[in-house]
Amino acid sequence: MSTEAITLEIDSEAAQAFRSVSVAEREKLQVLLGIWLKEYATADTASLKETMDQLSRDAQSRGLTPETLESILEEE
């Protein structure tokens, strides 16, 4: 899979949070964002909130709990 750099405007608190995590954590966050963006792009006319809700339901049906996600994001 090829990758490409993009620039996103986010609030400074979120940017600081991203910069403060390890490289491994940044890679995980980039993968998650990539998945969300691909899902959003392929959604017919769904709003971003509807897409995010669907992603959440899909992840939960596959066994991803808030605790599991937190654990994944905390691993270094």
PDB file of N, CA and C in Angstrom:
ATOM      1  N   MET A   1       0.850  -1.177   0.000  1.00  0.00           N
ATOM      2  CA  MET A   1       0.000   0.000   0.000  1.00  0.00           C
ATOM      3  C   MET A   1       0.892   1.235   0.000  1.00  0.00           C
ATOM      4  N   SER A   2       0.642   2.138  -0.903  1.00  0.00           N
ATOM      5  CA  SER A   2       1.423   3.365  -0.930  1.00  0.00           C
ATOM      6  C   SER A   2       0.780   4.393  -0.008  1.00  0.00           C
ATOM      7  N   THR A   3       1.591   5.314   0.442  1.00  0.00           N
ATOM      8  CA  THR A   3       1.080   6.367   1.317  1.00  0.00           C
ATOM      9  C   THR A   3       1.404   7.717   0.703  1.00  0.00           C
ATOM     10  N   GLU A   4       0.701   8.723   1.190  1.00  0.00           N
ATOM     11  CA  GLU A   4       0.883  10.079   0.704  1.00  0.00           C
ATOM     12  C   GLU A   4       0.654  11.028   1.866  1.00  0.00           C
ATOM     13  N   ALA A   5       1.473  12.033   1.976  1.00  0.00           N
ATOM     14  CA  ALA A   5       1.332  13.029   3.036  1.00  0.00           C
ATOM     15  C   ALA A   5       0.234  14.017   2.675  1.00  0.00           C
ATOM     16  N   ILE A   6      -0.572  14.393   3.686  1.00  0.00           N
ATOM     17  CA  ILE A   6      -1.587  15.432   3.526  1.00  0.00           C
ATOM     18  C   ILE A   6      -1.456  16.395   4.691  1.00  0.00           C
ATOM     19  N   THR A   7      -2.058  17.546   4.569  1.00  0.00           N
ATOM     20  CA  THR A   7      -2.058  18.536   5.639  1.00  0.00           C
ATOM     21  C   THR A   7      -3.490  18.733   6.104  1.00  0.00           C
ATOM     22  N   LEU A   8      -3.697  18.656   7.417  1.00  0.00           N
ATOM     23  CA  LEU A   8      -5.019  18.862   7.997  1.00  0.00           C
ATOM     24  C   LEU A   8      -4.960  20.021   8.982  1.00  0.00           C
ATOM     25  N   GLU A   9      -5.979  20.844   8.983  1.00  0.00           N
ATOM     26  CA  GLU A   9      -6.102  21.902   9.973  1.00  0.00           C
ATOM     27  C   GLU A   9      -6.909  21.342  11.144  1.00  0.00           C
ATOM     28  N   ILE A  10      -6.273  21.235  12.310  1.00  0.00           N
ATOM     29  CA  ILE A  10      -6.955  20.761  13.520  1.00  0.00           C
ATOM     30  C   ILE A  10      -6.647  21.740  14.643  1.00  0.00           C
ATOM     31  N   ASP A  11      -7.402  21.656  15.726  1.00  0.00           N
ATOM     32  CA  ASP A  11      -7.149  22.588  16.814  1.00  0.00           C
ATOM     33  C   ASP A  11      -5.801  22.292  17.469  1.00  0.00           C
ATOM     34  N   SER A  12      -5.250  23.295  18.128  1.00  0.00           N
ATOM     35  CA  SER A  12      -3.887  23.180  18.654  1.00  0.00           C
ATOM     36  C   SER A  12      -3.767  22.109  19.734  1.00  0.00           C
ATOM     37  N   GLU A  13      -4.812  21.883  20.502  1.00  0.00           N
ATOM     38  CA  GLU A  13      -4.768  20.839  21.533  1.00  0.00           C
ATOM     39  C   GLU A  13      -4.646  19.458  20.898  1.00  0.00           C
ATOM     40  N   ALA A  14      -5.402  19.217  19.842  1.00  0.00           N
ATOM     41  CA  ALA A  14      -5.321  17.930  19.138  1.00  0.00           C
ATOM     42  C   ALA A  14      -3.955  17.764  18.474  1.00  0.00           C
ATOM     43  N   ALA A  15      -3.431  18.843  17.913  1.00  0.00           N
ATOM     44  CA  ALA A  15      -2.113  18.782  17.279  1.00  0.00           C
ATOM     45  C   ALA A  15      -1.034  18.454  18.312  1.00  0.00           C
ATOM     46  N   GLN A  16      -1.116  19.079  19.472  1.00  0.00           N
ATOM     47  CA  GLN A  16      -0.146  18.805  20.525  1.00  0.00           C
ATOM     48  C   GLN A  16      -0.260  17.358  21.003  1.00  0.00           C
ATOM     49  N   ALA A  17      -1.472  16.864  21.128  1.00  0.00           N
ATOM     50  CA  ALA A  17      -1.671  15.478  21.543  1.00  0.00           C
ATOM     51  C   ALA A  17      -1.035  14.532  20.533  1.00  0.00           C
ATOM     52  N   PHE A  18      -1.204  14.815  19.247  1.00  0.00           N
ATOM     53  CA  PHE A  18      -0.627  13.975  18.200  1.00  0.00           C
ATOM     54  C   PHE A  18       0.901  14.015  18.264  1.00  0.00           C
ATOM     55  N   ARG A  19       1.460  15.200  18.422  1.00  0.00           N
ATOM     56  CA  ARG A  19       2.918  15.330  18.468  1.00  0.00           C
ATOM     57  C   ARG A  19       3.524  14.690  19.712  1.00  0.00           C
ATOM     58  N   SER A  20       2.751  14.578  20.774  1.00  0.00           N
ATOM     59  CA  SER A  20       3.296  14.097  22.045  1.00  0.00           C
ATOM     60  C   SER A  20       3.361  12.574  22.157  1.00  0.00           C
ATOM     61  N   VAL A  21       2.717  11.863  21.245  1.00  0.00           N
ATOM     62  CA  VAL A  21       2.729  10.400  21.321  1.00  0.00           C
ATOM     63  C   VAL A  21       3.916   9.834  20.556  1.00  0.00           C
ATOM     64  N   SER A  22       4.195   8.575  20.798  1.00  0.00           N
ATOM     65  CA  SER A  22       5.318   7.905  20.133  1.00  0.00           C
ATOM     66  C   SER A  22       5.047   7.750  18.638  1.00  0.00           C
ATOM     67  N   VAL A  23       6.096   7.466  17.906  1.00  0.00           N
ATOM     68  CA  VAL A  23       5.971   7.241  16.462  1.00  0.00           C
ATOM     69  C   VAL A  23       5.009   6.086  16.195  1.00  0.00           C
ATOM     70  N   ALA A  24       5.089   5.041  16.994  1.00  0.00           N
ATOM     71  CA  ALA A  24       4.190   3.893  16.813  1.00  0.00           C
ATOM     72  C   ALA A  24       2.734   4.307  17.005  1.00  0.00           C
ATOM     73  N   GLU A  25       2.477   5.155  17.987  1.00  0.00           N
ATOM     74  CA  GLU A  25       1.109   5.625  18.233  1.00  0.00           C
ATOM     75  C   GLU A  25       0.639   6.516  17.093  1.00  0.00           C
ATOM     76  N   ARG A  26       1.520   7.357  16.568  1.00  0.00           N
ATOM     77  CA  ARG A  26       1.154   8.206  15.431  1.00  0.00           C
ATOM     78  C   ARG A  26       0.766   7.345  14.239  1.00  0.00           C
ATOM     79  N   GLU A  27       1.514   6.280  14.021  1.00  0.00           N
ATOM     80  CA  GLU A  27       1.204   5.388  12.906  1.00  0.00           C
ATOM     81  C   GLU A  27      -0.180   4.767  13.078  1.00  0.00           C
ATOM     82  N   LYS A  28      -0.526   4.376  14.298  1.00  0.00           N
ATOM     83  CA  LYS A  28      -1.851   3.806  14.565  1.00  0.00           C
ATOM     84  C   LYS A  28      -2.936   4.843  14.299  1.00  0.00           C
ATOM     85  N   LEU A  29      -2.705   6.069  14.757  1.00  0.00           N
ATOM     86  CA  LEU A  29      -3.683   7.129  14.536  1.00  0.00           C
ATOM     87  C   LEU A  29      -3.829   7.436  13.046  1.00  0.00           C
ATOM     88  N   GLN A  30      -2.732   7.401  12.311  1.00  0.00           N
ATOM     89  CA  GLN A  30      -2.799   7.638  10.874  1.00  0.00           C
ATOM     90  C   GLN A  30      -3.594   6.547  10.175  1.00  0.00           C
ATOM     91  N   VAL A  31      -3.421   5.306  10.606  1.00  0.00           N
ATOM     92  CA  VAL A  31      -4.190   4.200  10.027  1.00  0.00           C
ATOM     93  C   VAL A  31      -5.674   4.401  10.309  1.00  0.00           C
ATOM     94  N   LEU A  32      -6.016   4.726  11.561  1.00  0.00           N
ATOM     95  CA  LEU A  32      -7.423   4.956  11.909  1.00  0.00           C
ATOM     96  C   LEU A  32      -8.017   6.095  11.092  1.00  0.00           C
ATOM     97  N   LEU A  33      -7.298   7.198  10.973  1.00  0.00           N
ATOM     98  CA  LEU A  33      -7.797   8.321  10.194  1.00  0.00           C
ATOM     99  C   LEU A  33      -7.974   7.935   8.729  1.00  0.00           C
ATOM    100  N   GLY A  34      -7.037   7.170   8.198  1.00  0.00           N
ATOM    101  CA  GLY A  34      -7.156   6.711   6.820  1.00  0.00           C
ATOM    102  C   GLY A  34      -8.393   5.860   6.604  1.00  0.00           C
ATOM    103  N   ILE A  35      -8.665   4.975   7.547  1.00  0.00           N
ATOM    104  CA  ILE A  35      -9.866   4.134   7.454  1.00  0.00           C
ATOM    105  C   ILE A  35     -11.115   5.000   7.490  1.00  0.00           C
ATOM    106  N   TRP A  36     -11.157   5.939   8.425  1.00  0.00           N
ATOM    107  CA  TRP A  36     -12.330   6.821   8.541  1.00  0.00           C
ATOM    108  C   TRP A  36     -12.545   7.626   7.259  1.00  0.00           C
ATOM    109  N   LEU A  37     -11.463   8.152   6.700  1.00  0.00           N
ATOM    110  CA  LEU A  37     -11.599   8.954   5.484  1.00  0.00           C
ATOM    111  C   LEU A  37     -12.073   8.112   4.304  1.00  0.00           C
ATOM    112  N   LYS A  38     -11.568   6.885   4.182  1.00  0.00           N
ATOM    113  CA  LYS A  38     -12.013   6.013   3.087  1.00  0.00           C
ATOM    114  C   LYS A  38     -13.484   5.656   3.252  1.00  0.00           C
ATOM    115  N   GLU A  39     -13.898   5.370   4.485  1.00  0.00           N
ATOM    116  CA  GLU A  39     -15.308   5.061   4.735  1.00  0.00           C
ATOM    117  C   GLU A  39     -16.174   6.271   4.399  1.00  0.00           C
ATOM    118  N   TYR A  40     -15.729   7.446   4.794  1.00  0.00           N
ATOM    119  CA  TYR A  40     -16.486   8.670   4.526  1.00  0.00           C
ATOM    120  C   TYR A  40     -16.596   8.924   3.027  1.00  0.00           C
ATOM    121  N   ALA A  41     -15.509   8.716   2.310  1.00  0.00           N
ATOM    122  CA  ALA A  41     -15.490   8.964   0.871  1.00  0.00           C
ATOM    123  C   ALA A  41     -16.403   8.018   0.109  1.00  0.00           C
ATOM    124  N   THR A  42     -16.579   6.804   0.607  1.00  0.00           N
ATOM    125  CA  THR A  42     -17.405   5.830  -0.102  1.00  0.00           C
ATOM    126  C   THR A  42     -18.863   5.841   0.361  1.00  0.00           C
ATOM    127  N   ALA A  43     -19.160   6.591   1.412  1.00  0.00           N
ATOM    128  CA  ALA A  43     -20.541   6.688   1.884  1.00  0.00           C
ATOM    129  C   ALA A  43     -21.339   7.503   0.873  1.00  0.00           C
ATOM    130  N   ASP A  44     -22.533   7.062   0.603  1.00  0.00           N
ATOM    131  CA  ASP A  44     -23.353   7.751  -0.391  1.00  0.00           C
ATOM    132  C   ASP A  44     -23.565   9.209  -0.018  1.00  0.00           C
ATOM    133  N   THR A  45     -24.575   9.480   0.730  1.00  0.00           N
ATOM    134  CA  THR A  45     -24.856  10.862   1.122  1.00  0.00           C
ATOM    135  C   THR A  45     -24.845  11.005   2.634  1.00  0.00           C
ATOM    136  N   ALA A  46     -24.217  10.071   3.301  1.00  0.00           N
ATOM    137  CA  ALA A  46     -24.196  10.091   4.760  1.00  0.00           C
ATOM    138  C   ALA A  46     -23.374  11.276   5.262  1.00  0.00           C
ATOM    139  N   SER A  47     -23.810  11.830   6.338  1.00  0.00           N
ATOM    140  CA  SER A  47     -23.052  12.907   6.962  1.00  0.00           C
ATOM    141  C   SER A  47     -21.853  12.314   7.697  1.00  0.00           C
ATOM    142  N   LEU A  48     -20.937  13.164   8.074  1.00  0.00           N
ATOM    143  CA  LEU A  48     -19.768  12.699   8.811  1.00  0.00           C
ATOM    144  C   LEU A  48     -20.200  12.005  10.096  1.00  0.00           C
ATOM    145  N   LYS A  49     -21.177  12.564  10.812  1.00  0.00           N
ATOM    146  CA  LYS A  49     -21.631  11.948  12.056  1.00  0.00           C
ATOM    147  C   LYS A  49     -22.218  10.568  11.786  1.00  0.00           C
ATOM    148  N   GLU A  50     -23.012  10.435  10.755  1.00  0.00           N
ATOM    149  CA  GLU A  50     -23.583   9.130  10.413  1.00  0.00           C
ATOM    150  C   GLU A  50     -22.480   8.129  10.083  1.00  0.00           C
ATOM    151  N   THR A  51     -21.469   8.582   9.350  1.00  0.00           N
ATOM    152  CA  THR A  51     -20.352   7.713   8.995  1.00  0.00           C
ATOM    153  C   THR A  51     -19.602   7.280  10.244  1.00  0.00           C
ATOM    154  N   MET A  52     -19.329   8.220  11.142  1.00  0.00           N
ATOM    155  CA  MET A  52     -18.617   7.903  12.380  1.00  0.00           C
ATOM    156  C   MET A  52     -19.445   6.933  13.232  1.00  0.00           C
ATOM    157  N   ASP A  53     -20.753   7.154  13.291  1.00  0.00           N
ATOM    158  CA  ASP A  53     -21.615   6.243  14.039  1.00  0.00           C
ATOM    159  C   ASP A  53     -21.570   4.839  13.452  1.00  0.00           C
ATOM    160  N   GLN A  54     -21.595   4.747  12.120  1.00  0.00           N
ATOM    161  CA  GLN A  54     -21.536   3.439  11.469  1.00  0.00           C
ATOM    162  C   GLN A  54     -20.194   2.762  11.740  1.00  0.00           C
ATOM    163  N   LEU A  55     -19.108   3.513  11.667  1.00  0.00           N
ATOM    164  CA  LEU A  55     -17.787   2.955  11.971  1.00  0.00           C
ATOM    165  C   LEU A  55     -17.745   2.426  13.401  1.00  0.00           C
ATOM    166  N   SER A  56     -18.330   3.169  14.310  1.00  0.00           N
ATOM    167  CA  SER A  56     -18.371   2.747  15.707  1.00  0.00           C
ATOM    168  C   SER A  56     -19.154   1.448  15.849  1.00  0.00           C
ATOM    169  N   ARG A  57     -20.318   1.371  15.207  1.00  0.00           N
ATOM    170  CA  ARG A  57     -21.121   0.144  15.276  1.00  0.00           C
ATOM    171  C   ARG A  57     -20.369  -1.034  14.666  1.00  0.00           C
ATOM    172  N   ASP A  58     -19.710  -0.806  13.528  1.00  0.00           N
ATOM    173  CA  ASP A  58     -18.937  -1.873  12.885  1.00  0.00           C
ATOM    174  C   ASP A  58     -17.816  -2.364  13.790  1.00  0.00           C
ATOM    175  N   ALA A  59     -17.098  -1.431  14.396  1.00  0.00           N
ATOM    176  CA  ALA A  59     -15.987  -1.794  15.285  1.00  0.00           C
ATOM    177  C   ALA A  59     -16.506  -2.563  16.497  1.00  0.00           C
ATOM    178  N   GLN A  60     -17.614  -2.114  17.072  1.00  0.00           N
ATOM    179  CA  GLN A  60     -18.178  -2.801  18.228  1.00  0.00           C
ATOM    180  C   GLN A  60     -18.656  -4.197  17.854  1.00  0.00           C
ATOM    181  N   SER A  61     -19.243  -4.343  16.669  1.00  0.00           N
ATOM    182  CA  SER A  61     -19.713  -5.673  16.261  1.00  0.00           C
ATOM    183  C   SER A  61     -18.546  -6.631  16.033  1.00  0.00           C
ATOM    184  N   ARG A  62     -17.364  -6.081  15.786  1.00  0.00           N
ATOM    185  CA  ARG A  62     -16.159  -6.894  15.625  1.00  0.00           C
ATOM    186  C   ARG A  62     -15.419  -7.088  16.937  1.00  0.00           C
ATOM    187  N   GLY A  63     -16.014  -6.587  18.030  1.00  0.00           N
ATOM    188  CA  GLY A  63     -15.439  -6.810  19.346  1.00  0.00           C
ATOM    189  C   GLY A  63     -14.588  -5.679  19.895  1.00  0.00           C
ATOM    190  N   LEU A  64     -14.508  -4.561  19.195  1.00  0.00           N
ATOM    191  CA  LEU A  64     -13.718  -3.437  19.684  1.00  0.00           C
ATOM    192  C   LEU A  64     -14.543  -2.655  20.694  1.00  0.00           C
ATOM    193  N   THR A  65     -14.067  -2.623  21.915  1.00  0.00           N
ATOM    194  CA  THR A  65     -14.722  -1.863  22.970  1.00  0.00           C
ATOM    195  C   THR A  65     -13.936  -0.579  23.207  1.00  0.00           C
ATOM    196  N   PRO A  66     -14.533   0.394  23.880  1.00  0.00           N
ATOM    197  CA  PRO A  66     -13.771   1.605  24.213  1.00  0.00           C
ATOM    198  C   PRO A  66     -12.498   1.271  24.986  1.00  0.00           C
ATOM    199  N   GLU A  67     -12.583   0.281  25.862  1.00  0.00           N
ATOM    200  CA  GLU A  67     -11.417  -0.115  26.651  1.00  0.00           C
ATOM    201  C   GLU A  67     -10.326  -0.717  25.764  1.00  0.00           C
ATOM    202  N   THR A  68     -10.730  -1.554  24.793  1.00  0.00           N
ATOM    203  CA  THR A  68      -9.774  -2.159  23.882  1.00  0.00           C
ATOM    204  C   THR A  68      -9.105  -1.079  23.029  1.00  0.00           C
ATOM    205  N   LEU A  69      -9.880  -0.151  22.525  1.00  0.00           N
ATOM    206  CA  LEU A  69      -9.315   0.937  21.734  1.00  0.00           C
ATOM    207  C   LEU A  69      -8.330   1.749  22.552  1.00  0.00           C
ATOM    208  N   GLU A  70      -8.700   2.087  23.773  1.00  0.00           N
ATOM    209  CA  GLU A  70      -7.796   2.827  24.654  1.00  0.00           C
ATOM    210  C   GLU A  70      -6.504   2.055  24.874  1.00  0.00           C
ATOM    211  N   SER A  71      -6.619   0.760  25.079  1.00  0.00           N
ATOM    212  CA  SER A  71      -5.434  -0.089  25.280  1.00  0.00           C
ATOM    213  C   SER A  71      -4.535  -0.081  24.042  1.00  0.00           C
ATOM    214  N   ILE A  72      -5.146  -0.167  22.868  1.00  0.00           N
ATOM    215  CA  ILE A  72      -4.379  -0.143  21.620  1.00  0.00           C
ATOM    216  C   ILE A  72      -3.652   1.187  21.476  1.00  0.00           C
ATOM    217  N   LEU A  73      -4.333   2.273  21.773  1.00  0.00           N
ATOM    218  CA  LEU A  73      -3.735   3.592  21.621  1.00  0.00           C
ATOM    219  C   LEU A  73      -2.697   3.891  22.687  1.00  0.00           C
ATOM    220  N   GLU A  74      -2.759   3.189  23.817  1.00  0.00           N
ATOM    221  CA  GLU A  74      -1.779   3.407  24.885  1.00  0.00           C
ATOM    222  C   GLU A  74      -0.529   2.568  24.725  1.00  0.00           C
ATOM    223  N   GLU A  75      -0.574   1.502  23.905  1.00  0.00           N
ATOM    224  CA  GLU A  75       0.596   0.634  23.714  1.00  0.00           C
ATOM    225  C   GLU A  75       1.727   1.421  23.087  1.00  0.00           C
ATOM    226  N   GLU A  76       2.941   1.127  23.517  1.00  0.00           N
ATOM    227  CA  GLU A  76       4.081   1.816  22.918  1.00  0.00           C
ATOM    228  C   GLU A  76       5.019   0.842  22.282  1.00  0.00           C
TER     229      GLU A  76
END
